[in-house]
C-alpha atoms as a PDB file:
ATOM      1  CA  MET A   1     -31.378  60.863   8.151  1.00  0.00           C
ATOM      2  CA  LYS A   2     -32.457  57.321   7.836  1.00  0.00           C
ATOM      3  CA  LYS A   3     -29.556  54.377   8.905  1.00  0.00           C
ATOM      4  CA  LYS A   4     -28.914  52.370   6.049  1.00  0.00           C
ATOM      5  CA  PHE A   5     -27.887  49.087   8.222  1.00  0.00           C
ATOM      6  CA  SER A   6     -27.729  48.547  11.763  1.00  0.00           C
ATOM      7  CA  ASP A   7     -24.191  47.545  12.027  1.00  0.00           C
ATOM      8  CA  PHE A   8     -23.767  45.011  14.723  1.00  0.00           C
ATOM      9  CA  ARG A   9     -20.211  43.429  13.337  1.00  0.00           C
ATOM     10  CA  SER A  10     -18.312  44.883  16.382  1.00  0.00           C
ATOM     11  CA  ASP A  11     -17.700  47.839  18.467  1.00  0.00           C
ATOM     12  CA  THR A  12     -14.937  49.084  16.794  1.00  0.00           C
ATOM     13  CA  VAL A  13     -17.442  50.670  14.408  1.00  0.00           C
ATOM     14  CA  THR A  14     -18.227  53.150  17.017  1.00  0.00           C
ATOM     15  CA  ARG A  15     -17.833  56.653  15.324  1.00  0.00           C
ATOM     16  CA  PRO A  16     -16.418  59.559  17.774  1.00  0.00           C
ATOM     17  CA  THR A  17     -19.151  61.747  19.340  1.00  0.00           C
ATOM     18  CA  LYS A  18     -19.814  65.041  18.541  1.00  0.00           C
ATOM     19  CA  GLU A  19     -17.816  65.896  21.553  1.00  0.00           C
ATOM     20  CA  MET A  20     -15.118  63.874  20.811  1.00  0.00           C
ATOM     21  CA  ARG A  21     -15.226  65.642  17.467  1.00  0.00           C
ATOM     22  CA  GLU A  22     -14.939  69.311  18.700  1.00  0.00           C
ATOM     23  CA  ALA A  23     -12.394  68.130  21.644  1.00  0.00           C
ATOM     24  CA  MET A  24      -9.878  67.069  18.757  1.00  0.00           C
ATOM     25  CA  ALA A  25     -10.408  69.959  16.914  1.00  0.00           C
ATOM     26  CA  ASN A  26      -9.493  72.282  19.744  1.00  0.00           C
ATOM     27  CA  ALA A  27      -6.771  69.688  21.308  1.00  0.00           C
ATOM     28  CA  LYS A  28      -3.592  71.515  22.103  1.00  0.00           C
ATOM     29  CA  VAL A  29      -0.565  69.040  21.015  1.00  0.00           C
ATOM     30  CA  GLY A  30       3.200  68.634  20.848  1.00  0.00           C
ATOM     31  CA  ASP A  31       5.711  66.338  19.866  1.00  0.00           C
ATOM     32  CA  ASP A  32       4.985  63.249  21.404  1.00  0.00           C
ATOM     33  CA  VAL A  33       7.638  61.265  20.604  1.00  0.00           C
ATOM     34  CA  LEU A  34       9.604  64.244  21.853  1.00  0.00           C
ATOM     35  CA  GLY A  35       7.556  63.733  24.863  1.00  0.00           C
ATOM     36  CA  ASP A  36       5.844  67.450  25.211  1.00  0.00           C
ATOM     37  CA  ASP A  37       2.725  66.949  23.735  1.00  0.00           C
ATOM     38  CA  PRO A  38       0.303  67.731  26.759  1.00  0.00           C
ATOM     39  CA  THR A  39      -3.060  66.174  25.669  1.00  0.00           C
ATOM     40  CA  VAL A  40      -1.394  63.060  25.294  1.00  0.00           C
ATOM     41  CA  LYS A  41       0.279  63.222  28.337  1.00  0.00           C
ATOM     42  CA  GLU A  42      -3.185  63.988  30.390  1.00  0.00           C
ATOM     43  CA  LEU A  43      -4.699  61.013  28.559  1.00  0.00           C
ATOM     44  CA  GLU A  44      -1.310  58.539  30.098  1.00  0.00           C
ATOM     45  CA  ARG A  45      -1.700  60.078  33.377  1.00  0.00           C
ATOM     46  CA  MET A  46      -5.446  59.558  33.496  1.00  0.00           C
ATOM     47  CA  ALA A  47      -5.350  56.240  32.359  1.00  0.00           C
ATOM     48  CA  ALA A  48      -2.336  54.916  34.673  1.00  0.00           C
ATOM     49  CA  ARG A  49      -4.478  57.017  37.745  1.00  0.00           C
ATOM     50  CA  ILE A  50      -8.075  55.284  36.822  1.00  0.00           C
ATOM     51  CA  PHE A  51      -6.078  51.579  36.758  1.00  0.00           C
ATOM     52  CA  GLY A  52      -3.903  51.934  39.683  1.00  0.00           C
ATOM     53  CA  LYS A  53      -0.182  51.804  38.219  1.00  0.00           C
ATOM     54  CA  GLU A  54       2.550  53.846  38.041  1.00  0.00           C
ATOM     55  CA  ALA A  55       2.418  55.072  34.388  1.00  0.00           C
ATOM     56  CA  ALA A  56       0.987  54.252  30.869  1.00  0.00           C
ATOM     57  CA  ILE A  57       0.848  54.614  27.409  1.00  0.00           C
ATOM     58  CA  PHE A  58      -0.772  55.458  24.260  1.00  0.00           C
ATOM     59  CA  VAL A  59      -0.378  53.100  21.326  1.00  0.00           C
ATOM     60  CA  PRO A  60      -1.963  53.021  17.739  1.00  0.00           C
ATOM     61  CA  SER A  61      -4.147  49.438  18.395  1.00  0.00           C
ATOM     62  CA  GLY A  62      -5.082  46.840  20.636  1.00  0.00           C
ATOM     63  CA  THR A  63      -2.259  44.220  19.113  1.00  0.00           C
ATOM     64  CA  MET A  64       0.950  46.487  19.110  1.00  0.00           C
ATOM     65  CA  GLY A  65      -0.447  47.392  22.835  1.00  0.00           C
ATOM     66  CA  ASN A  66      -0.524  43.385  23.421  1.00  0.00           C
ATOM     67  CA  THR A  67       2.419  42.615  21.133  1.00  0.00           C
ATOM     68  CA  LEU A  68       5.003  45.390  22.615  1.00  0.00           C
ATOM     69  CA  SER A  69       3.904  44.107  26.512  1.00  0.00           C
ATOM     70  CA  LEU A  70       4.634  40.011  25.423  1.00  0.00           C
ATOM     71  CA  ILE A  71       8.053  41.353  24.271  1.00  0.00           C
ATOM     72  CA  ALA A  72       8.815  43.939  27.562  1.00  0.00           C
ATOM     73  CA  GLY A  73       6.902  40.846  30.042  1.00  0.00           C
ATOM     74  CA  GLY A  74       8.448  37.905  28.734  1.00  0.00           C
ATOM     75  CA  GLU A  75      11.505  36.304  28.297  1.00  0.00           C
ATOM     76  CA  GLU A  76      12.858  35.271  24.551  1.00  0.00           C
ATOM     77  CA  GLY A  77      12.818  31.709  23.879  1.00  0.00           C
ATOM     78  CA  THR A  78      10.133  31.029  26.852  1.00  0.00           C
ATOM     79  CA  GLU A  79       6.970  29.573  27.333  1.00  0.00           C
ATOM     80  CA  ILE A  80       3.757  31.897  27.535  1.00  0.00           C
ATOM     81  CA  ILE A  81       0.817  29.851  29.196  1.00  0.00           C
ATOM     82  CA  LEU A  82      -2.198  31.696  27.521  1.00  0.00           C
ATOM     83  CA  GLU A  83      -6.151  30.383  26.907  1.00  0.00           C
ATOM     84  CA  TYR A  84      -6.538  28.036  23.921  1.00  0.00           C
ATOM     85  CA  HIS A  85      -9.161  30.472  21.920  1.00  0.00           C
ATOM     86  CA  SER A  86      -7.649  33.870  23.154  1.00  0.00           C
ATOM     87  CA  HIS A  87      -7.261  36.897  20.974  1.00  0.00           C
ATOM     88  CA  ILE A  88      -3.556  36.793  21.618  1.00  0.00           C
ATOM     89  CA  TYR A  89      -2.921  33.361  20.080  1.00  0.00           C
ATOM     90  CA  ASN A  90      -5.355  33.292  17.397  1.00  0.00           C
ATOM     91  CA  TYR A  91      -6.292  36.755  16.054  1.00  0.00           C
ATOM     92  CA  GLU A  92      -2.991  38.737  16.581  1.00  0.00           C
ATOM     93  CA  SER A  93      -0.853  37.096  13.329  1.00  0.00           C
ATOM     94  CA  GLY A  94       1.431  35.348  15.519  1.00  0.00           C
ATOM     95  CA  ASN A  95       2.909  38.121  16.854  1.00  0.00           C
ATOM     96  CA  LEU A  96       3.875  36.585  20.101  1.00  0.00           C
ATOM     97  CA  SER A  97       5.906  34.217  18.402  1.00  0.00           C
ATOM     98  CA  LYS A  98       6.984  36.373  15.354  1.00  0.00           C
ATOM     99  CA  PHE A  99       8.239  39.325  17.443  1.00  0.00           C
ATOM    100  CA  ALA A 100       8.214  38.528  21.406  1.00  0.00           C
ATOM    101  CA  LYS A 101       9.759  35.511  20.374  1.00  0.00           C
ATOM    102  CA  LEU A 102       7.550  33.137  23.078  1.00  0.00           C
ATOM    103  CA  ILE A 103       6.458  29.904  22.648  1.00  0.00           C
ATOM    104  CA  PRO A 104       2.932  30.041  23.523  1.00  0.00           C
ATOM    105  CA  ARG A 105       1.416  27.033  25.857  1.00  0.00           C
ATOM    106  CA  PRO A 106      -2.644  26.853  25.020  1.00  0.00           C
ATOM    107  CA  ILE A 107      -4.732  25.868  27.212  1.00  0.00           C
ATOM    108  CA  LYS A 108      -8.762  25.226  27.078  1.00  0.00           C
ATOM    109  CA  SER A 109     -10.705  26.387  29.073  1.00  0.00           C
ATOM    110  CA  GLN A 110     -14.418  26.492  30.340  1.00  0.00           C
ATOM    111  CA  ASN A 111     -15.751  30.005  28.801  1.00  0.00           C
ATOM    112  CA  GLY A 112     -12.078  31.520  28.916  1.00  0.00           C
ATOM    113  CA  GLU A 113     -11.238  30.216  32.676  1.00  0.00           C
ATOM    114  CA  MET A 114      -8.249  27.864  32.157  1.00  0.00           C
ATOM    115  CA  ASP A 115      -8.374  24.982  35.078  1.00  0.00           C
ATOM    116  CA  ILE A 116      -6.181  26.357  38.152  1.00  0.00           C
ATOM    117  CA  GLU A 117      -4.801  23.142  38.290  1.00  0.00           C
ATOM    118  CA  GLU A 118      -3.556  22.876  34.428  1.00  0.00           C
ATOM    119  CA  ILE A 119      -2.213  26.283  34.615  1.00  0.00           C
ATOM    120  CA  LYS A 120       0.239  25.091  37.814  1.00  0.00           C
ATOM    121  CA  SER A 121       1.102  21.590  35.858  1.00  0.00           C
ATOM    122  CA  ASN A 122       1.976  23.608  32.590  1.00  0.00           C
ATOM    123  CA  ILE A 123       4.405  25.451  34.338  1.00  0.00           C
ATOM    124  CA  LYS A 124       7.443  25.010  33.425  1.00  0.00           C
ATOM    125  CA  THR A 125      11.260  25.501  35.574  1.00  0.00           C
ATOM    126  CA  SER A 126      14.863  24.993  33.586  1.00  0.00           C
ATOM    127  CA  LEU A 127      15.372  21.999  34.983  1.00  0.00           C
ATOM    128  CA  ARG A 128      16.858  20.740  31.998  1.00  0.00           C
ATOM    129  CA  ILE A 129      18.811  22.668  29.192  1.00  0.00           C
ATOM    130  CA  HIS A 130      16.608  21.795  26.388  1.00  0.00           C
ATOM    131  CA  ILE A 131      13.118  22.458  28.273  1.00  0.00           C
ATOM    132  CA  PRO A 132      12.247  26.060  27.547  1.00  0.00           C
ATOM    133  CA  LYS A 133      10.918  27.483  30.965  1.00  0.00           C
ATOM    134  CA  THR A 134       7.496  29.776  31.355  1.00  0.00           C
ATOM    135  CA  SER A 135       7.728  33.278  31.833  1.00  0.00           C
ATOM    136  CA  MET A 136       4.345  34.726  31.432  1.00  0.00           C
ATOM    137  CA  ILE A 137       0.664  34.146  31.654  1.00  0.00           C
ATOM    138  CA  ALA A 138      -1.988  35.865  30.052  1.00  0.00           C
ATOM    139  CA  LEU A 139      -5.260  36.471  30.523  1.00  0.00           C
ATOM    140  CA  GLU A 140      -8.453  37.916  27.982  1.00  0.00           C
ATOM    141  CA  ASN A 141     -11.406  39.855  30.170  1.00  0.00           C
ATOM    142  CA  THR A 142     -14.119  40.462  27.962  1.00  0.00           C
ATOM    143  CA  HIS A 143     -13.551  37.177  26.416  1.00  0.00           C
ATOM    144  CA  ASN A 144     -13.976  37.705  22.349  1.00  0.00           C
ATOM    145  CA  TYR A 145     -14.168  33.886  21.796  1.00  0.00           C
ATOM    146  CA  HIS A 146     -16.288  33.094  24.542  1.00  0.00           C
ATOM    147  CA  GLY A 147     -19.208  35.179  23.944  1.00  0.00           C
ATOM    148  CA  GLY A 148     -17.816  38.440  26.039  1.00  0.00           C
ATOM    149  CA  ASN A 149     -17.396  36.001  29.068  1.00  0.00           C
ATOM    150  CA  VAL A 150     -16.545  37.961  32.094  1.00  0.00           C
ATOM    151  CA  LEU A 151     -13.582  36.194  34.175  1.00  0.00           C
ATOM    152  CA  SER A 152     -14.384  36.247  38.150  1.00  0.00           C
ATOM    153  CA  LEU A 153     -12.430  38.172  40.523  1.00  0.00           C
ATOM    154  CA  GLU A 154     -11.607  35.496  42.417  1.00  0.00           C
ATOM    155  CA  TYR A 155     -10.560  33.670  39.537  1.00  0.00           C
ATOM    156  CA  ILE A 156      -8.168  36.450  38.896  1.00  0.00           C
ATOM    157  CA  LYS A 157      -6.937  36.395  42.006  1.00  0.00           C
ATOM    158  CA  GLU A 158      -6.302  32.628  42.423  1.00  0.00           C
ATOM    159  CA  VAL A 159      -4.150  33.179  38.917  1.00  0.00           C
ATOM    160  CA  SER A 160      -2.244  36.183  39.671  1.00  0.00           C
ATOM    161  CA  LYS A 161      -1.440  33.902  43.645  1.00  0.00           C
ATOM    162  CA  ILE A 162       0.373  31.222  40.834  1.00  0.00           C
ATOM    163  CA  ALA A 163       2.201  33.902  38.783  1.00  0.00           C
ATOM    164  CA  ARG A 164       3.392  35.554  42.151  1.00  0.00           C
ATOM    165  CA  GLU A 165       5.092  32.338  43.336  1.00  0.00           C
ATOM    166  CA  ASN A 166       6.396  31.257  40.473  1.00  0.00           C
ATOM    167  CA  LYS A 167       7.763  35.281  39.345  1.00  0.00           C
ATOM    168  CA  LEU A 168       5.724  35.125  36.433  1.00  0.00           C
ATOM    169  CA  HIS A 169       4.428  38.181  34.193  1.00  0.00           C
ATOM    170  CA  LEU A 170       0.651  38.132  34.447  1.00  0.00           C
ATOM    171  CA  HIS A 171      -0.573  40.255  31.358  1.00  0.00           C
ATOM    172  CA  LEU A 172      -4.493  41.214  30.539  1.00  0.00           C
ATOM    173  CA  ASP A 173      -5.679  41.902  27.438  1.00  0.00           C
ATOM    174  CA  GLY A 174      -8.586  43.786  28.791  1.00  0.00           C
ATOM    175  CA  ALA A 175      -9.596  45.330  25.570  1.00  0.00           C
ATOM    176  CA  ARG A 176     -12.957  45.805  26.804  1.00  0.00           C
ATOM    177  CA  ILE A 177     -12.057  45.742  30.622  1.00  0.00           C
ATOM    178  CA  PHE A 178     -14.690  48.203  31.171  1.00  0.00           C
ATOM    179  CA  ASN A 179     -17.345  45.740  29.992  1.00  0.00           C
ATOM    180  CA  ALA A 180     -16.378  43.590  32.869  1.00  0.00           C
ATOM    181  CA  ALA A 181     -15.803  46.037  35.314  1.00  0.00           C
ATOM    182  CA  THR A 182     -19.333  47.050  34.285  1.00  0.00           C
ATOM    183  CA  TYR A 183     -20.955  43.647  34.211  1.00  0.00           C
ATOM    184  CA  LEU A 184     -18.964  42.799  37.918  1.00  0.00           C
ATOM    185  CA  ASN A 185     -20.194  46.038  39.165  1.00  0.00           C
ATOM    186  CA  VAL A 186     -16.334  47.005  40.203  1.00  0.00           C
ATOM    187  CA  ASP A 187     -13.721  49.621  39.972  1.00  0.00           C
ATOM    188  CA  VAL A 188     -11.682  48.769  37.318  1.00  0.00           C
ATOM    189  CA  LYS A 189      -9.019  49.178  39.726  1.00  0.00           C
ATOM    190  CA  GLU A 190     -10.176  45.569  41.305  1.00  0.00           C
ATOM    191  CA  ILE A 191      -9.370  44.025  38.135  1.00  0.00           C
ATOM    192  CA  SER A 192      -6.143  45.767  37.032  1.00  0.00           C
ATOM    193  CA  LYS A 193      -4.553  45.527  40.787  1.00  0.00           C
ATOM    194  CA  TYR A 194      -3.812  41.643  40.172  1.00  0.00           C
ATOM    195  CA  PHE A 195      -2.062  42.119  36.777  1.00  0.00           C
ATOM    196  CA  ASP A 196       1.365  43.359  36.073  1.00  0.00           C
ATOM    197  CA  SER A 197       0.501  44.755  32.922  1.00  0.00           C
ATOM    198  CA  VAL A 198      -2.934  45.394  31.263  1.00  0.00           C
ATOM    199  CA  MET A 199      -3.733  46.525  27.915  1.00  0.00           C
ATOM    200  CA  PHE A 200      -7.199  48.238  26.971  1.00  0.00           C
ATOM    201  CA  CYS A 201      -9.153  49.848  23.745  1.00  0.00           C
ATOM    202  CA  LEU A 202     -10.278  53.620  23.562  1.00  0.00           C
ATOM    203  CA  SER A 203     -11.522  52.235  20.252  1.00  0.00           C
ATOM    204  CA  LYS A 204     -14.128  49.725  20.783  1.00  0.00           C
ATOM    205  CA  GLY A 205     -17.208  50.141  23.030  1.00  0.00           C
ATOM    206  CA  LEU A 206     -15.301  53.332  24.372  1.00  0.00           C
ATOM    207  CA  CYS A 207     -15.801  55.359  20.655  1.00  0.00           C
ATOM    208  CA  SER A 208     -12.499  56.833  20.232  1.00  0.00           C
ATOM    209  CA  PRO A 209     -11.762  56.484  16.590  1.00  0.00           C
ATOM    210  CA  ILE A 210      -7.861  55.176  17.009  1.00  0.00           C
ATOM    211  CA  GLY A 211      -6.141  54.053  20.116  1.00  0.00           C
ATOM    212  CA  SER A 212      -5.507  51.998  23.089  1.00  0.00           C
ATOM    213  CA  ILE A 213      -3.235  51.596  26.267  1.00  0.00           C
ATOM    214  CA  VAL A 214      -0.802  49.815  28.019  1.00  0.00           C
ATOM    215  CA  VAL A 215      -0.751  50.690  31.969  1.00  0.00           C
ATOM    216  CA  GLY A 216       2.037  48.781  34.484  1.00  0.00           C
ATOM    217  CA  ARG A 217       4.821  50.171  36.475  1.00  0.00           C
ATOM    218  CA  LYS A 218       7.239  52.971  35.117  1.00  0.00           C
ATOM    219  CA  LYS A 219      10.572  50.775  34.107  1.00  0.00           C
ATOM    220  CA  PHE A 220       7.989  48.307  31.896  1.00  0.00           C
ATOM    221  CA  ILE A 221       6.057  51.224  30.401  1.00  0.00           C
ATOM    222  CA  GLU A 222       9.452  52.905  29.618  1.00  0.00           C
ATOM    223  CA  ARG A 223      10.401  49.794  28.185  1.00  0.00           C
ATOM    224  CA  VAL A 224       6.743  49.334  26.124  1.00  0.00           C
ATOM    225  CA  ARG A 225       7.582  53.676  25.002  1.00  0.00           C
ATOM    226  CA  PHE A 226      11.235  52.369  23.360  1.00  0.00           C
ATOM    227  CA  LEU A 227       9.521  49.147  21.809  1.00  0.00           C
ATOM    228  CA  ARG A 228       6.608  51.191  20.537  1.00  0.00           C
ATOM    229  CA  LYS A 229       8.848  53.604  18.207  1.00  0.00           C
ATOM    230  CA  SER A 230      10.937  50.396  17.489  1.00  0.00           C
ATOM    231  CA  PHE A 231       7.770  49.152  16.146  1.00  0.00           C
ATOM    232  CA  GLY A 232       6.915  52.706  13.905  1.00  0.00           C
ATOM    233  CA  GLY A 233       4.416  53.369  16.870  1.00  0.00           C
ATOM    234  CA  GLY A 234       6.011  56.766  17.540  1.00  0.00           C
ATOM    235  CA  MET A 235       3.772  59.557  16.974  1.00  0.00           C
ATOM    236  CA  ARG A 236       3.700  63.502  16.508  1.00  0.00           C
ATOM    237  CA  GLN A 237       0.926  65.420  16.784  1.00  0.00           C
ATOM    238  CA  VAL A 238      -1.497  62.591  18.562  1.00  0.00           C
ATOM    239  CA  GLY A 239      -3.211  65.101  21.088  1.00  0.00           C
ATOM    240  CA  ILE A 240      -6.037  65.016  18.467  1.00  0.00           C
ATOM    241  CA  LEU A 241      -6.551  61.702  18.828  1.00  0.00           C
ATOM    242  CA  ALA A 242      -5.661  61.476  22.541  1.00  0.00           C
ATOM    243  CA  ALA A 243      -8.410  64.449  23.164  1.00  0.00           C
ATOM    244  CA  ALA A 244     -10.744  61.858  22.232  1.00  0.00           C
ATOM    245  CA  GLY A 245      -9.694  59.025  24.508  1.00  0.00           C
ATOM    246  CA  ILE A 246      -9.881  61.177  27.596  1.00  0.00           C
ATOM    247  CA  ILE A 247     -13.472  61.545  27.141  1.00  0.00           C
ATOM    248  CA  SER A 248     -13.677  57.723  26.110  1.00  0.00           C
ATOM    249  CA  LEU A 249     -12.639  57.416  30.045  1.00  0.00           C
ATOM    250  CA  GLU A 250     -14.342  60.222  31.678  1.00  0.00           C
ATOM    251  CA  LYS A 251     -17.818  59.883  29.825  1.00  0.00           C
ATOM    252  CA  MET A 252     -18.096  56.508  27.684  1.00  0.00           C
ATOM    253  CA  THR A 253     -17.118  54.116  30.287  1.00  0.00           C
ATOM    254  CA  LYS A 254     -20.235  55.224  32.453  1.00  0.00           C
ATOM    255  CA  ARG A 255     -22.636  54.047  29.466  1.00  0.00           C
ATOM    256  CA  LEU A 256     -21.567  50.603  29.092  1.00  0.00           C
ATOM    257  CA  ASN A 257     -24.397  48.924  30.530  1.00  0.00           C
ATOM    258  CA  GLU A 258     -26.633  49.935  28.336  1.00  0.00           C
ATOM    259  CA  ASP A 259     -25.113  48.384  25.814  1.00  0.00           C
ATOM    260  CA  HIS A 260     -25.521  45.252  27.823  1.00  0.00           C
ATOM    261  CA  ILE A 261     -29.012  45.871  28.512  1.00  0.00           C
ATOM    262  CA  ARG A 262     -29.643  45.895  24.563  1.00  0.00           C
ATOM    263  CA  ALA A 263     -27.646  42.900  24.066  1.00  0.00           C
ATOM    264  CA  LYS A 264     -29.814  40.698  26.713  1.00  0.00           C
ATOM    265  CA  LYS A 265     -33.221  42.345  24.702  1.00  0.00           C
ATOM    266  CA  LEU A 266     -31.433  41.212  21.457  1.00  0.00           C
ATOM    267  CA  ALA A 267     -31.091  37.716  22.763  1.00  0.00           C
ATOM    268  CA  GLU A 268     -34.682  37.580  24.648  1.00  0.00           C
ATOM    269  CA  GLY A 269     -35.891  38.898  21.616  1.00  0.00           C
ATOM    270  CA  ILE A 270     -34.081  35.844  18.903  1.00  0.00           C
ATOM    271  CA  LYS A 271     -34.082  32.779  20.969  1.00  0.00           C
ATOM    272  CA  ASP A 272     -37.130  31.181  20.147  1.00  0.00           C
ATOM    273  CA  ILE A 273     -37.020  31.790  16.352  1.00  0.00           C
ATOM    274  CA  LYS A 274     -36.427  28.106  14.945  1.00  0.00           C
ATOM    275  CA  GLY A 275     -33.178  27.204  13.357  1.00  0.00           C
ATOM    276  CA  ILE A 276     -31.288  29.237  16.134  1.00  0.00           C
ATOM    277  CA  LYS A 277     -29.795  28.307  19.465  1.00  0.00           C
ATOM    278  CA  VAL A 278     -28.695  31.393  21.555  1.00  0.00           C
ATOM    279  CA  ASP A 279     -27.517  30.709  25.236  1.00  0.00           C
ATOM    280  CA  ILE A 280     -28.959  33.603  27.418  1.00  0.00           C
ATOM    281  CA  LYS A 281     -27.054  33.080  30.070  1.00  0.00           C
ATOM    282  CA  ASN A 282     -23.584  33.595  28.355  1.00  0.00           C
ATOM    283  CA  VAL A 283     -24.709  36.493  27.698  1.00  0.00           C
ATOM    284  CA  LYS A 284     -23.541  39.210  30.043  1.00  0.00           C
ATOM    285  CA  THR A 285     -22.307  42.052  28.274  1.00  0.00           C
ATOM    286  CA  ASN A 286     -22.332  43.120  24.815  1.00  0.00           C
ATOM    287  CA  PHE A 287     -22.019  40.123  22.540  1.00  0.00           C
ATOM    288  CA  VAL A 288     -24.701  37.963  21.581  1.00  0.00           C
ATOM    289  CA  MET A 289     -23.684  34.595  19.424  1.00  0.00           C
ATOM    290  CA  VAL A 290     -26.105  32.864  17.729  1.00  0.00           C
ATOM    291  CA  ASP A 291     -25.679  29.177  16.806  1.00  0.00           C
ATOM    292  CA  LEU A 292     -27.349  28.045  13.321  1.00  0.00           C
ATOM    293  CA  GLU A 293     -28.451  24.776  12.810  1.00  0.00           C
ATOM    294  CA  LYS A 294     -28.853  24.651   9.038  1.00  0.00           C
ATOM    295  CA  MET A 295     -27.985  27.295   7.280  1.00  0.00           C
ATOM    296  CA  ASP A 296     -24.433  28.465   7.319  1.00  0.00           C
ATOM    297  CA  SER A 297     -23.129  31.873   8.412  1.00  0.00           C
ATOM    298  CA  PHE A 298     -22.232  33.357   5.277  1.00  0.00           C
ATOM    299  CA  THR A 299     -25.630  32.608   3.470  1.00  0.00           C
ATOM    300  CA  PHE A 300     -27.224  33.697   6.359  1.00  0.00           C
ATOM    301  CA  LEU A 301     -25.308  37.054   7.011  1.00  0.00           C
ATOM    302  CA  LYS A 302     -25.731  37.373   3.112  1.00  0.00           C
ATOM    303  CA  LYS A 303     -29.435  37.530   3.329  1.00  0.00           C
ATOM    304  CA  LEU A 304     -29.574  39.452   6.528  1.00  0.00           C
ATOM    305  CA  LYS A 305     -27.265  42.157   5.123  1.00  0.00           C
ATOM    306  CA  ARG A 306     -30.322  42.686   1.920  1.00  0.00           C
ATOM    307  CA  GLU A 307     -32.813  43.275   4.701  1.00  0.00           C
ATOM    308  CA  GLY A 308     -30.053  46.066   6.330  1.00  0.00           C
ATOM    309  CA  VAL A 309     -28.900  44.475   9.253  1.00  0.00           C
ATOM    310  CA  LEU A 310     -24.768  43.718   9.714  1.00  0.00           C
ATOM    311  CA  ALA A 311     -23.294  40.955  11.960  1.00  0.00           C
ATOM    312  CA  LEU A 312     -20.120  39.175  11.791  1.00  0.00           C
ATOM    313  CA  PRO A 313     -19.133  35.317  10.835  1.00  0.00           C
ATOM    314  CA  PHE A 314     -17.658  33.724  13.805  1.00  0.00           C
ATOM    315  CA  SER A 315     -17.317  30.486  12.537  1.00  0.00           C
ATOM    316  CA  GLU A 316     -19.393  28.245   9.662  1.00  0.00           C
ATOM    317  CA  LYS A 317     -22.000  27.938  11.764  1.00  0.00           C
ATOM    318  CA  ARG A 318     -21.772  30.936  14.443  1.00  0.00           C
ATOM    319  CA  VAL A 319     -22.675  34.460  14.165  1.00  0.00           C
ATOM    320  CA  ARG A 320     -21.333  37.616  16.631  1.00  0.00           C
ATOM    321  CA  PHE A 321     -23.654  40.305  16.925  1.00  0.00           C
ATOM    322  CA  VAL A 322     -22.154  43.119  18.756  1.00  0.00           C
ATOM    323  CA  THR A 323     -23.778  45.908  20.538  1.00  0.00           C
ATOM    324  CA  HIS A 324     -22.325  49.489  21.358  1.00  0.00           C
ATOM    325  CA  ASN A 325     -22.997  53.316  21.329  1.00  0.00           C
ATOM    326  CA  ASP A 326     -24.332  53.645  17.778  1.00  0.00           C
ATOM    327  CA  VAL A 327     -26.786  50.679  17.923  1.00  0.00           C
ATOM    328  CA  ASP A 328     -29.734  51.937  19.878  1.00  0.00           C
ATOM    329  CA  ASP A 329     -33.458  50.248  20.996  1.00  0.00           C
ATOM    330  CA  LYS A 330     -34.528  50.678  17.078  1.00  0.00           C
ATOM    331  CA  ASP A 331     -31.803  48.925  16.092  1.00  0.00           C
ATOM    332  CA  ILE A 332     -32.493  46.280  18.236  1.00  0.00           C
ATOM    333  CA  GLU A 333     -36.108  45.780  17.842  1.00  0.00           C
ATOM    334  CA  LYS A 334     -35.033  45.846  13.589  1.00  0.00           C
ATOM    335  CA  ALA A 335     -32.460  42.918  14.063  1.00  0.00           C
ATOM    336  CA  ILE A 336     -35.100  40.916  15.774  1.00  0.00           C
ATOM    337  CA  GLU A 337     -37.646  41.389  12.700  1.00  0.00           C
ATOM    338  CA  LYS A 338     -35.230  41.051  10.029  1.00  0.00           C
ATOM    339  CA  ILE A 339     -33.354  37.855  11.846  1.00  0.00           C
ATOM    340  CA  LYS A 340     -36.980  36.482  12.129  1.00  0.00           C
ATOM    341  CA  LYS A 341     -37.533  36.843   8.783  1.00  0.00           C
ATOM    342  CA  VAL A 342     -34.523  35.681   7.485  1.00  0.00           C
ATOM    343  CA  MET A 343     -35.133  32.173   9.151  1.00  0.00           C
ATOM    344  CA  GLU A 344     -39.302  31.612   8.152  1.00  0.00           C
ATOM    345  CA  LYS A 345     -38.375  32.296   4.517  1.00  0.00           C
ATOM    346  CA  SER A 346     -35.266  29.560   5.017  1.00  0.00           C
ATOM    347  CA  VAL A 347     -37.770  27.159   7.016  1.00  0.00           C
ATOM    348  CA  MET A 348     -40.359  27.634   4.098  1.00  0.00           C
ATOM    349  CA  SER A 349     -37.871  27.136   0.952  1.00  0.00           C
ATOM    350  CA  ILE A 350     -36.773  23.451   2.676  1.00  0.00           C
END
């Protein structure tokens, strides 16, 4: 059946594969709150092993995973250093202050990498009682706002050293960490080993219908497990979902380069269209950020939707296209063709 839309809004729109649906239907389950769902336990053991950590916990969403990590890793009333455009700071409903009770110390960056000296100069110690100290640093990899940019291992290593020297908890919002590992051509352990805690999503490019995972030390994960229950995240026969997550880790992590190649193909196909700008060198993973010179994002997307292509507004003049498992080469060709058509009509109408 012909698809009505080519959907580039996000890799969250991916549907579980046929293999996932079969595994979900046949999953062995128990009561996860009571600790006896065998499929969840298998998924958590697998995640901990893959990331080189002592333990892992399955949570309903990435936002919950980050929030619980900030509560468990930080200290109420202290500061957290994080990037100015980070997801935790901008797109998680203010949870870092509302629930973790942390004070954000946002720092502007170059494509997601905060200046090392800026990080150092913003670390506060309790020299005087009216100055809140710093307890955490959070990084994001890949970086959503900065077009799926990947933090270098050298940079991560430097930040990790600063965190250790100052006894700060270092957390990674690694929603798309497997995309970062794919781009860097390294095992995901080579990224995660520098962090005290990592949250990553199963429900984005890895195609699971629901769920994220937090990994870290055993004591830390025990704390997160208690917090998960208090936030209403304790789930029962959730092995049905964990079964899909196992396939995500076993198989879907191995195909992400296909998405990266298609993103590059889309960017190359539209970069010379009059009225838009695409920074080809920053198309590193599965994001293509399109800057509109004259038309606003909402008008552009409304016209594009009529042509059967969906994308997401990122600002008044910026649109994000994301490639994923449910986007194939025909969708890329269609998007290039329809973007050209929309822009050519807009030029003619001026």
